[in-house]
Amino acid sequence: MNDILTTLDRLRRPPLLIRAARIGVSDYHRGPHLRRHLGFGALPRSGAALVRLVEIEAELERDRKQRAAGYSAARHVDVLIAMMGEARLMRATRLASVV
């Protein structure tokens, strides 16, 4: 799972999107956020959720760059919030298991 965290660390997006997501991550609630993006059912572990969120975000980034009619900046920020929230949970879990 370190690979997915490395991928996130290398992600480059417009500063306004990142700034909005950083503000929103303080209100991140795993259940509602993940269900909104991944669908209903059992929630996957943070690593699996993060992989799927990265895929969704890549599609949104492609739509943004292509100026697609269906692109939603609000949805893009919401997915980035979920990505940041899951990354925090993964890092916290990894730290807790080391200690």
PDB file of N, CA and C in Angstrom:
ATOM      1  N   MET A   1       0.810  -1.205   0.000  1.00  0.00           N
ATOM      2  CA  MET A   1       0.000   0.000   0.000  1.00  0.00           C
ATOM      3  C   MET A   1       0.853   1.268   0.000  1.00  0.00           C
ATOM      4  N   ASN A   2       2.123   1.143   0.254  1.00  0.00           N
ATOM      5  CA  ASN A   2       2.982   2.319   0.179  1.00  0.00           C
ATOM      6  C   ASN A   2       2.986   2.905  -1.212  1.00  0.00           C
ATOM      7  N   ASP A   3       2.801   2.047  -2.229  1.00  0.00           N
ATOM      8  CA  ASP A   3       2.781   2.534  -3.601  1.00  0.00           C
ATOM      9  C   ASP A   3       1.647   3.525  -3.829  1.00  0.00           C
ATOM     10  N   ILE A   4       0.481   3.251  -3.255  1.00  0.00           N
ATOM     11  CA  ILE A   4      -0.663   4.151  -3.443  1.00  0.00           C
ATOM     12  C   ILE A   4      -0.404   5.477  -2.727  1.00  0.00           C
ATOM     13  N   LEU A   5       0.240   5.430  -1.581  1.00  0.00           N
ATOM     14  CA  LEU A   5       0.564   6.673  -0.870  1.00  0.00           C
ATOM     15  C   LEU A   5       1.613   7.471  -1.639  1.00  0.00           C
ATOM     16  N   THR A   6       2.557   6.784  -2.253  1.00  0.00           N
ATOM     17  CA  THR A   6       3.554   7.456  -3.091  1.00  0.00           C
ATOM     18  C   THR A   6       2.874   8.107  -4.283  1.00  0.00           C
ATOM     19  N   THR A   7       1.926   7.398  -4.882  1.00  0.00           N
ATOM     20  CA  THR A   7       1.158   7.948  -6.009  1.00  0.00           C
ATOM     21  C   THR A   7       0.443   9.223  -5.585  1.00  0.00           C
ATOM     22  N   LEU A   8      -0.153   9.201  -4.403  1.00  0.00           N
ATOM     23  CA  LEU A   8      -0.850  10.401  -3.911  1.00  0.00           C
ATOM     24  C   LEU A   8       0.113  11.549  -3.668  1.00  0.00           C
ATOM     25  N   ASP A   9       1.259  11.243  -3.124  1.00  0.00           N
ATOM     26  CA  ASP A   9       2.249  12.291  -2.856  1.00  0.00           C
ATOM     27  C   ASP A   9       2.730  12.957  -4.139  1.00  0.00           C
ATOM     28  N   ARG A  10       2.726  12.223  -5.231  1.00  0.00           N
ATOM     29  CA  ARG A  10       3.189  12.758  -6.513  1.00  0.00           C
ATOM     30  C   ARG A  10       2.084  13.411  -7.334  1.00  0.00           C
ATOM     31  N   LEU A  11       0.866  13.321  -6.864  1.00  0.00           N
ATOM     32  CA  LEU A  11      -0.277  13.873  -7.587  1.00  0.00           C
ATOM     33  C   LEU A  11      -0.182  15.391  -7.665  1.00  0.00           C
ATOM     34  N   ARG A  12      -0.354  15.936  -8.836  1.00  0.00           N
ATOM     35  CA  ARG A  12      -0.316  17.387  -9.037  1.00  0.00           C
ATOM     36  C   ARG A  12      -1.649  17.839  -9.616  1.00  0.00           C
ATOM     37  N   ARG A  13      -2.328  18.685  -8.864  1.00  0.00           N
ATOM     38  CA  ARG A  13      -3.619  19.217  -9.278  1.00  0.00           C
ATOM     39  C   ARG A  13      -3.617  20.726  -9.046  1.00  0.00           C
ATOM     40  N   PRO A  14      -4.550  21.433  -9.661  1.00  0.00           N
ATOM     41  CA  PRO A  14      -4.608  22.885  -9.463  1.00  0.00           C
ATOM     42  C   PRO A  14      -4.718  23.239  -7.978  1.00  0.00           C
ATOM     43  N   PRO A  15      -3.990  24.262  -7.561  1.00  0.00           N
ATOM     44  CA  PRO A  15      -3.974  24.648  -6.139  1.00  0.00           C
ATOM     45  C   PRO A  15      -5.361  24.915  -5.550  1.00  0.00           C
ATOM     46  N   LEU A  16      -6.264  25.463  -6.334  1.00  0.00           N
ATOM     47  CA  LEU A  16      -7.606  25.755  -5.814  1.00  0.00           C
ATOM     48  C   LEU A  16      -8.351  24.476  -5.447  1.00  0.00           C
ATOM     49  N   LEU A  17      -8.228  23.430  -6.268  1.00  0.00           N
ATOM     50  CA  LEU A  17      -8.863  22.146  -5.947  1.00  0.00           C
ATOM     51  C   LEU A  17      -8.273  21.559  -4.670  1.00  0.00           C
ATOM     52  N   ILE A  18      -6.958  21.591  -4.560  1.00  0.00           N
ATOM     53  CA  ILE A  18      -6.292  21.030  -3.386  1.00  0.00           C
ATOM     54  C   ILE A  18      -6.634  21.821  -2.126  1.00  0.00           C
ATOM     55  N   ARG A  19      -6.636  23.131  -2.249  1.00  0.00           N
ATOM     56  CA  ARG A  19      -6.961  23.976  -1.092  1.00  0.00           C
ATOM     57  C   ARG A  19      -8.387  23.694  -0.603  1.00  0.00           C
ATOM     58  N   ALA A  20      -9.319  23.584  -1.529  1.00  0.00           N
ATOM     59  CA  ALA A  20     -10.711  23.293  -1.158  1.00  0.00           C
ATOM     60  C   ALA A  20     -10.807  21.922  -0.490  1.00  0.00           C
ATOM     61  N   ALA A  21     -10.100  20.935  -1.020  1.00  0.00           N
ATOM     62  CA  ALA A  21     -10.131  19.592  -0.441  1.00  0.00           C
ATOM     63  C   ALA A  21      -9.512  19.581   0.956  1.00  0.00           C
ATOM     64  N   ARG A  22      -8.437  20.322   1.142  1.00  0.00           N
ATOM     65  CA  ARG A  22      -7.802  20.379   2.470  1.00  0.00           C
ATOM     66  C   ARG A  22      -8.739  20.996   3.503  1.00  0.00           C
ATOM     67  N   ILE A  23      -9.503  21.966   3.081  1.00  0.00           N
ATOM     68  CA  ILE A  23     -10.483  22.565   3.995  1.00  0.00           C
ATOM     69  C   ILE A  23     -11.572  21.550   4.333  1.00  0.00           C
ATOM     70  N   GLY A  24     -12.020  20.830   3.324  1.00  0.00           N
ATOM     71  CA  GLY A  24     -13.113  19.884   3.510  1.00  0.00           C
ATOM     72  C   GLY A  24     -12.748  18.606   4.240  1.00  0.00           C
ATOM     73  N   VAL A  25     -11.480  18.222   4.230  1.00  0.00           N
ATOM     74  CA  VAL A  25     -11.093  16.941   4.826  1.00  0.00           C
ATOM     75  C   VAL A  25     -11.327  16.921   6.335  1.00  0.00           C
ATOM     76  N   SER A  26     -11.389  18.068   6.963  1.00  0.00           N
ATOM     77  CA  SER A  26     -11.649  18.094   8.410  1.00  0.00           C
ATOM     78  C   SER A  26     -13.064  17.592   8.723  1.00  0.00           C
ATOM     79  N   ASP A  27     -13.958  17.635   7.749  1.00  0.00           N
ATOM     80  CA  ASP A  27     -15.330  17.148   7.930  1.00  0.00           C
ATOM     81  C   ASP A  27     -15.543  15.783   7.278  1.00  0.00           C
ATOM     82  N   TYR A  28     -14.469  15.083   6.968  1.00  0.00           N
ATOM     83  CA  TYR A  28     -14.575  13.786   6.303  1.00  0.00           C
ATOM     84  C   TYR A  28     -15.172  12.746   7.232  1.00  0.00           C
ATOM     85  N   HIS A  29     -16.209  12.092   6.756  1.00  0.00           N
ATOM     86  CA  HIS A  29     -16.846  10.983   7.465  1.00  0.00           C
ATOM     87  C   HIS A  29     -16.866   9.803   6.508  1.00  0.00           C
ATOM     88  N   ARG A  30     -16.126   8.799   6.846  1.00  0.00           N
ATOM     89  CA  ARG A  30     -15.849   7.675   5.952  1.00  0.00           C
ATOM     90  C   ARG A  30     -17.108   7.061   5.335  1.00  0.00           C
ATOM     91  N   GLY A  31     -18.062   6.709   6.141  1.00  0.00           N
ATOM     92  CA  GLY A  31     -19.270   6.029   5.648  1.00  0.00           C
ATOM     93  C   GLY A  31     -19.987   6.797   4.545  1.00  0.00           C
ATOM     94  N   PRO A  32     -20.482   7.985   4.850  1.00  0.00           N
ATOM     95  CA  PRO A  32     -21.217   8.735   3.820  1.00  0.00           C
ATOM     96  C   PRO A  32     -20.368   9.092   2.603  1.00  0.00           C
ATOM     97  N   HIS A  33     -19.129   9.481   2.825  1.00  0.00           N
ATOM     98  CA  HIS A  33     -18.280   9.872   1.690  1.00  0.00           C
ATOM     99  C   HIS A  33     -18.008   8.687   0.769  1.00  0.00           C
ATOM    100  N   LEU A  34     -17.593   7.572   1.328  1.00  0.00           N
ATOM    101  CA  LEU A  34     -17.267   6.426   0.482  1.00  0.00           C
ATOM    102  C   LEU A  34     -18.496   5.870  -0.213  1.00  0.00           C
ATOM    103  N   ARG A  35     -19.613   5.811   0.490  1.00  0.00           N
ATOM    104  CA  ARG A  35     -20.837   5.305  -0.150  1.00  0.00           C
ATOM    105  C   ARG A  35     -21.259   6.190  -1.314  1.00  0.00           C
ATOM    106  N   ARG A  36     -21.033   7.474  -1.178  1.00  0.00           N
ATOM    107  CA  ARG A  36     -21.382   8.407  -2.254  1.00  0.00           C
ATOM    108  C   ARG A  36     -20.565   8.117  -3.516  1.00  0.00           C
ATOM    109  N   HIS A  37     -19.329   7.697  -3.346  1.00  0.00           N
ATOM    110  CA  HIS A  37     -18.455   7.482  -4.495  1.00  0.00           C
ATOM    111  C   HIS A  37     -18.303   6.019  -4.905  1.00  0.00           C
ATOM    112  N   LEU A  38     -18.381   5.110  -3.941  1.00  0.00           N
ATOM    113  CA  LEU A  38     -18.137   3.705  -4.237  1.00  0.00           C
ATOM    114  C   LEU A  38     -19.408   2.867  -4.260  1.00  0.00           C
ATOM    115  N   GLY A  39     -20.512   3.433  -3.831  1.00  0.00           N
ATOM    116  CA  GLY A  39     -21.765   2.688  -3.800  1.00  0.00           C
ATOM    117  C   GLY A  39     -22.018   2.094  -2.418  1.00  0.00           C
ATOM    118  N   PHE A  40     -23.168   1.483  -2.294  1.00  0.00           N
ATOM    119  CA  PHE A  40     -23.570   0.927  -1.003  1.00  0.00           C
ATOM    120  C   PHE A  40     -23.008  -0.462  -0.820  1.00  0.00           C
ATOM    121  N   GLY A  41     -23.109  -0.953   0.390  1.00  0.00           N
ATOM    122  CA  GLY A  41     -22.561  -2.268   0.714  1.00  0.00           C
ATOM    123  C   GLY A  41     -21.462  -2.111   1.735  1.00  0.00           C
ATOM    124  N   ALA A  42     -20.748  -3.199   1.925  1.00  0.00           N
ATOM    125  CA  ALA A  42     -19.649  -3.181   2.893  1.00  0.00           C
ATOM    126  C   ALA A  42     -18.543  -2.239   2.414  1.00  0.00           C
ATOM    127  N   LEU A  43     -18.055  -1.445   3.331  1.00  0.00           N
ATOM    128  CA  LEU A  43     -16.986  -0.513   2.978  1.00  0.00           C
ATOM    129  C   LEU A  43     -15.653  -1.260   2.884  1.00  0.00           C
ATOM    130  N   PRO A  44     -14.892  -0.986   1.829  1.00  0.00           N
ATOM    131  CA  PRO A  44     -13.584  -1.640   1.704  1.00  0.00           C
ATOM    132  C   PRO A  44     -12.587  -1.036   2.697  1.00  0.00           C
ATOM    133  N   ARG A  45     -11.481  -1.713   2.906  1.00  0.00           N
ATOM    134  CA  ARG A  45     -10.409  -1.167   3.732  1.00  0.00           C
ATOM    135  C   ARG A  45      -9.861   0.077   3.040  1.00  0.00           C
ATOM    136  N   SER A  46      -9.138   0.870   3.797  1.00  0.00           N
ATOM    137  CA  SER A  46      -8.634   2.142   3.274  1.00  0.00           C
ATOM    138  C   SER A  46      -7.809   1.983   2.010  1.00  0.00           C
ATOM    139  N   GLY A  47      -6.959   0.985   1.945  1.00  0.00           N
ATOM    140  CA  GLY A  47      -6.111   0.785   0.769  1.00  0.00           C
ATOM    141  C   GLY A  47      -6.926   0.527  -0.486  1.00  0.00           C
ATOM    142  N   ALA A  48      -7.884  -0.384  -0.396  1.00  0.00           N
ATOM    143  CA  ALA A  48      -8.727  -0.706  -1.545  1.00  0.00           C
ATOM    144  C   ALA A  48      -9.601   0.483  -1.922  1.00  0.00           C
ATOM    145  N   ALA A  49     -10.120   1.183  -0.925  1.00  0.00           N
ATOM    146  CA  ALA A  49     -10.941   2.368  -1.195  1.00  0.00           C
ATOM    147  C   ALA A  49     -10.108   3.429  -1.895  1.00  0.00           C
ATOM    148  N   LEU A  50      -8.898   3.601  -1.446  1.00  0.00           N
ATOM    149  CA  LEU A  50      -8.007   4.607  -2.015  1.00  0.00           C
ATOM    150  C   LEU A  50      -7.669   4.300  -3.472  1.00  0.00           C
ATOM    151  N   VAL A  51      -7.442   3.040  -3.781  1.00  0.00           N
ATOM    152  CA  VAL A  51      -7.148   2.651  -5.164  1.00  0.00           C
ATOM    153  C   VAL A  51      -8.330   3.023  -6.064  1.00  0.00           C
ATOM    154  N   ARG A  52      -9.538   2.702  -5.612  1.00  0.00           N
ATOM    155  CA  ARG A  52     -10.732   3.017  -6.420  1.00  0.00           C
ATOM    156  C   ARG A  52     -10.930   4.528  -6.532  1.00  0.00           C
ATOM    157  N   LEU A  53     -10.710   5.252  -5.452  1.00  0.00           N
ATOM    158  CA  LEU A  53     -10.852   6.709  -5.484  1.00  0.00           C
ATOM    159  C   LEU A  53      -9.853   7.347  -6.441  1.00  0.00           C
ATOM    160  N   VAL A  54      -8.642   6.812  -6.486  1.00  0.00           N
ATOM    161  CA  VAL A  54      -7.629   7.333  -7.415  1.00  0.00           C
ATOM    162  C   VAL A  54      -8.102   7.133  -8.855  1.00  0.00           C
ATOM    163  N   GLU A  55      -8.718   6.000  -9.138  1.00  0.00           N
ATOM    164  CA  GLU A  55      -9.250   5.738 -10.478  1.00  0.00           C
ATOM    165  C   GLU A  55     -10.362   6.727 -10.827  1.00  0.00           C
ATOM    166  N   ILE A  56     -11.262   6.953  -9.887  1.00  0.00           N
ATOM    167  CA  ILE A  56     -12.359   7.898 -10.106  1.00  0.00           C
ATOM    168  C   ILE A  56     -11.814   9.305 -10.323  1.00  0.00           C
ATOM    169  N   GLU A  57     -10.841   9.685  -9.491  1.00  0.00           N
ATOM    170  CA  GLU A  57     -10.268  11.027  -9.602  1.00  0.00           C
ATOM    171  C   GLU A  57      -9.543  11.209 -10.930  1.00  0.00           C
ATOM    172  N   ALA A  58      -8.887  10.174 -11.422  1.00  0.00           N
ATOM    173  CA  ALA A  58      -8.191  10.263 -12.715  1.00  0.00           C
ATOM    174  C   ALA A  58      -9.188  10.537 -13.841  1.00  0.00           C
ATOM    175  N   GLU A  59     -10.360   9.922 -13.765  1.00  0.00           N
ATOM    176  CA  GLU A  59     -11.408  10.184 -14.761  1.00  0.00           C
ATOM    177  C   GLU A  59     -11.887  11.632 -14.667  1.00  0.00           C
ATOM    178  N   LEU A  60     -12.065  12.111 -13.448  1.00  0.00           N
ATOM    179  CA  LEU A  60     -12.488  13.500 -13.259  1.00  0.00           C
ATOM    180  C   LEU A  60     -11.428  14.468 -13.771  1.00  0.00           C
ATOM    181  N   GLU A  61     -10.166  14.152 -13.519  1.00  0.00           N
ATOM    182  CA  GLU A  61      -9.078  15.011 -13.991  1.00  0.00           C
ATOM    183  C   GLU A  61      -9.041  15.038 -15.521  1.00  0.00           C
ATOM    184  N   ARG A  62      -9.254  13.889 -16.132  1.00  0.00           N
ATOM    185  CA  ARG A  62      -9.313  13.840 -17.594  1.00  0.00           C
ATOM    186  C   ARG A  62     -10.460  14.717 -18.112  1.00  0.00           C
ATOM    187  N   ASP A  63     -11.631  14.600 -17.482  1.00  0.00           N
ATOM    188  CA  ASP A  63     -12.782  15.427 -17.877  1.00  0.00           C
ATOM    189  C   ASP A  63     -12.490  16.909 -17.683  1.00  0.00           C
ATOM    190  N   ARG A  64     -11.814  17.253 -16.591  1.00  0.00           N
ATOM    191  CA  ARG A  64     -11.485  18.657 -16.332  1.00  0.00           C
ATOM    192  C   ARG A  64     -10.584  19.198 -17.430  1.00  0.00           C
ATOM    193  N   LYS A  65      -9.555  18.441 -17.760  1.00  0.00           N
ATOM    194  CA  LYS A  65      -8.610  18.889 -18.783  1.00  0.00           C
ATOM    195  C   LYS A  65      -9.254  18.989 -20.164  1.00  0.00           C
ATOM    196  N   GLN A  66     -10.212  18.109 -20.435  1.00  0.00           N
ATOM    197  CA  GLN A  66     -10.891  18.125 -21.727  1.00  0.00           C
ATOM    198  C   GLN A  66     -12.075  19.089 -21.746  1.00  0.00           C
ATOM    199  N   ARG A  67     -12.307  19.724 -20.599  1.00  0.00           N
ATOM    200  CA  ARG A  67     -13.447  20.634 -20.462  1.00  0.00           C
ATOM    201  C   ARG A  67     -14.765  19.967 -20.836  1.00  0.00           C
ATOM    202  N   ALA A  68     -14.924  18.747 -20.356  1.00  0.00           N
ATOM    203  CA  ALA A  68     -16.125  17.960 -20.640  1.00  0.00           C
ATOM    204  C   ALA A  68     -17.355  18.642 -20.046  1.00  0.00           C
ATOM    205  N   ALA A  69     -18.447  18.545 -20.758  1.00  0.00           N
ATOM    206  CA  ALA A  69     -19.689  19.200 -20.325  1.00  0.00           C
ATOM    207  C   ALA A  69     -20.182  18.657 -18.980  1.00  0.00           C
ATOM    208  N   GLY A  70     -19.946  17.385 -18.715  1.00  0.00           N
ATOM    209  CA  GLY A  70     -20.442  16.781 -17.484  1.00  0.00           C
ATOM    210  C   GLY A  70     -19.514  16.916 -16.292  1.00  0.00           C
ATOM    211  N   TYR A  71     -18.392  17.606 -16.467  1.00  0.00           N
ATOM    212  CA  TYR A  71     -17.428  17.746 -15.371  1.00  0.00           C
ATOM    213  C   TYR A  71     -18.021  18.576 -14.237  1.00  0.00           C
ATOM    214  N   SER A  72     -17.789  18.101 -13.007  1.00  0.00           N
ATOM    215  CA  SER A  72     -18.254  18.812 -11.822  1.00  0.00           C
ATOM    216  C   SER A  72     -17.071  19.067 -10.894  1.00  0.00           C
ATOM    217  N   ALA A  73     -16.725  20.340 -10.722  1.00  0.00           N
ATOM    218  CA  ALA A  73     -15.631  20.692  -9.808  1.00  0.00           C
ATOM    219  C   ALA A  73     -15.990  20.289  -8.379  1.00  0.00           C
ATOM    220  N   ALA A  74     -17.248  20.413  -8.010  1.00  0.00           N
ATOM    221  CA  ALA A  74     -17.674  20.037  -6.661  1.00  0.00           C
ATOM    222  C   ALA A  74     -17.460  18.542  -6.422  1.00  0.00           C
ATOM    223  N   ARG A  75     -17.798  17.717  -7.401  1.00  0.00           N
ATOM    224  CA  ARG A  75     -17.577  16.276  -7.262  1.00  0.00           C
ATOM    225  C   ARG A  75     -16.078  15.971  -7.209  1.00  0.00           C
ATOM    226  N   HIS A  76     -15.311  16.678  -8.005  1.00  0.00           N
ATOM    227  CA  HIS A  76     -13.861  16.475  -8.019  1.00  0.00           C
ATOM    228  C   HIS A  76     -13.285  16.776  -6.629  1.00  0.00           C
ATOM    229  N   VAL A  77     -13.689  17.879  -6.042  1.00  0.00           N
ATOM    230  CA  VAL A  77     -13.223  18.239  -4.694  1.00  0.00           C
ATOM    231  C   VAL A  77     -13.677  17.186  -3.690  1.00  0.00           C
ATOM    232  N   ASP A  78     -14.909  16.705  -3.822  1.00  0.00           N
ATOM    233  CA  ASP A  78     -15.425  15.703  -2.897  1.00  0.00           C
ATOM    234  C   ASP A  78     -14.621  14.408  -2.972  1.00  0.00           C
ATOM    235  N   VAL A  79     -14.233  14.002  -4.173  1.00  0.00           N
ATOM    236  CA  VAL A  79     -13.401  12.809  -4.326  1.00  0.00           C
ATOM    237  C   VAL A  79     -12.011  13.060  -3.733  1.00  0.00           C
ATOM    238  N   LEU A  80     -11.450  14.238  -3.960  1.00  0.00           N
ATOM    239  CA  LEU A  80     -10.150  14.576  -3.366  1.00  0.00           C
ATOM    240  C   LEU A  80     -10.228  14.564  -1.838  1.00  0.00           C
ATOM    241  N   ILE A  81     -11.325  15.038  -1.284  1.00  0.00           N
ATOM    242  CA  ILE A  81     -11.522  14.994   0.172  1.00  0.00           C
ATOM    243  C   ILE A  81     -11.488  13.554   0.654  1.00  0.00           C
ATOM    244  N   ALA A  82     -12.211  12.683  -0.038  1.00  0.00           N
ATOM    245  CA  ALA A  82     -12.235  11.269   0.345  1.00  0.00           C
ATOM    246  C   ALA A  82     -10.849  10.654   0.232  1.00  0.00           C
ATOM    247  N   MET A  83     -10.125  11.002  -0.820  1.00  0.00           N
ATOM    248  CA  MET A  83      -8.759  10.486  -0.988  1.00  0.00           C
ATOM    249  C   MET A  83      -7.870  10.929   0.167  1.00  0.00           C
ATOM    250  N   MET A  84      -7.941  12.204   0.514  1.00  0.00           N
ATOM    251  CA  MET A  84      -7.121  12.715   1.615  1.00  0.00           C
ATOM    252  C   MET A  84      -7.513  12.070   2.937  1.00  0.00           C
ATOM    253  N   GLY A  85      -8.812  11.899   3.143  1.00  0.00           N
ATOM    254  CA  GLY A  85      -9.287  11.275   4.375  1.00  0.00           C
ATOM    255  C   GLY A  85      -8.820   9.836   4.505  1.00  0.00           C
ATOM    256  N   GLU A  86      -8.919   9.077   3.415  1.00  0.00           N
ATOM    257  CA  GLU A  86      -8.481   7.681   3.438  1.00  0.00           C
ATOM    258  C   GLU A  86      -6.966   7.578   3.607  1.00  0.00           C
ATOM    259  N   ALA A  87      -6.236   8.475   2.984  1.00  0.00           N
ATOM    260  CA  ALA A  87      -4.778   8.474   3.131  1.00  0.00           C
ATOM    261  C   ALA A  87      -4.398   8.747   4.584  1.00  0.00           C
ATOM    262  N   ARG A  88      -5.096   9.673   5.214  1.00  0.00           N
ATOM    263  CA  ARG A  88      -4.826   9.951   6.635  1.00  0.00           C
ATOM    264  C   ARG A  88      -5.098   8.724   7.491  1.00  0.00           C
ATOM    265  N   LEU A  89      -6.225   8.051   7.208  1.00  0.00           N
ATOM    266  CA  LEU A  89      -6.557   6.845   7.968  1.00  0.00           C
ATOM    267  C   LEU A  89      -5.504   5.756   7.768  1.00  0.00           C
ATOM    268  N   MET A  90      -5.050   5.592   6.527  1.00  0.00           N
ATOM    269  CA  MET A  90      -4.010   4.586   6.254  1.00  0.00           C
ATOM    270  C   MET A  90      -2.726   4.910   6.991  1.00  0.00           C
ATOM    271  N   ARG A  91      -2.325   6.155   6.938  1.00  0.00           N
ATOM    272  CA  ARG A  91      -1.080   6.553   7.613  1.00  0.00           C
ATOM    273  C   ARG A  91      -1.209   6.396   9.122  1.00  0.00           C
ATOM    274  N   ALA A  92      -2.362   6.753   9.675  1.00  0.00           N
ATOM    275  CA  ALA A  92      -2.585   6.613  11.120  1.00  0.00           C
ATOM    276  C   ALA A  92      -2.591   5.146  11.540  1.00  0.00           C
ATOM    277  N   THR A  93      -3.190   4.307  10.745  1.00  0.00           N
ATOM    278  CA  THR A  93      -3.227   2.880  11.035  1.00  0.00           C
ATOM    279  C   THR A  93      -1.830   2.288  10.971  1.00  0.00           C
ATOM    280  N   ARG A  94      -1.077   2.701   9.968  1.00  0.00           N
ATOM    281  CA  ARG A  94       0.291   2.204   9.819  1.00  0.00           C
ATOM    282  C   ARG A  94       1.154   2.647  10.999  1.00  0.00           C
ATOM    283  N   LEU A  95       0.990   3.897  11.432  1.00  0.00           N
ATOM    284  CA  LEU A  95       1.742   4.395  12.586  1.00  0.00           C
ATOM    285  C   LEU A  95       1.365   3.670  13.859  1.00  0.00           C
ATOM    286  N   ALA A  96       0.064   3.403  14.031  1.00  0.00           N
ATOM    287  CA  ALA A  96      -0.396   2.722  15.231  1.00  0.00           C
ATOM    288  C   ALA A  96       0.131   1.291  15.303  1.00  0.00           C
ATOM    289  N   SER A  97       0.266   0.644  14.142  1.00  0.00           N
ATOM    290  CA  SER A  97       0.755  -0.736  14.139  1.00  0.00           C
ATOM    291  C   SER A  97       2.259  -0.804  14.411  1.00  0.00           C
ATOM    292  N   VAL A  98       2.982   0.282  14.145  1.00  0.00           N
ATOM    293  CA  VAL A  98       4.421   0.327  14.406  1.00  0.00           C
ATOM    294  C   VAL A  98       4.696   0.529  15.878  1.00  0.00           C
ATOM    295  N   VAL A  99       3.868   1.319  16.521  1.00  0.00           N
ATOM    296  CA  VAL A  99       4.064   1.648  17.930  1.00  0.00           C
ATOM    297  C   VAL A  99       3.597   0.565  18.811  1.00  0.00           C
TER     298      VAL A  99
END
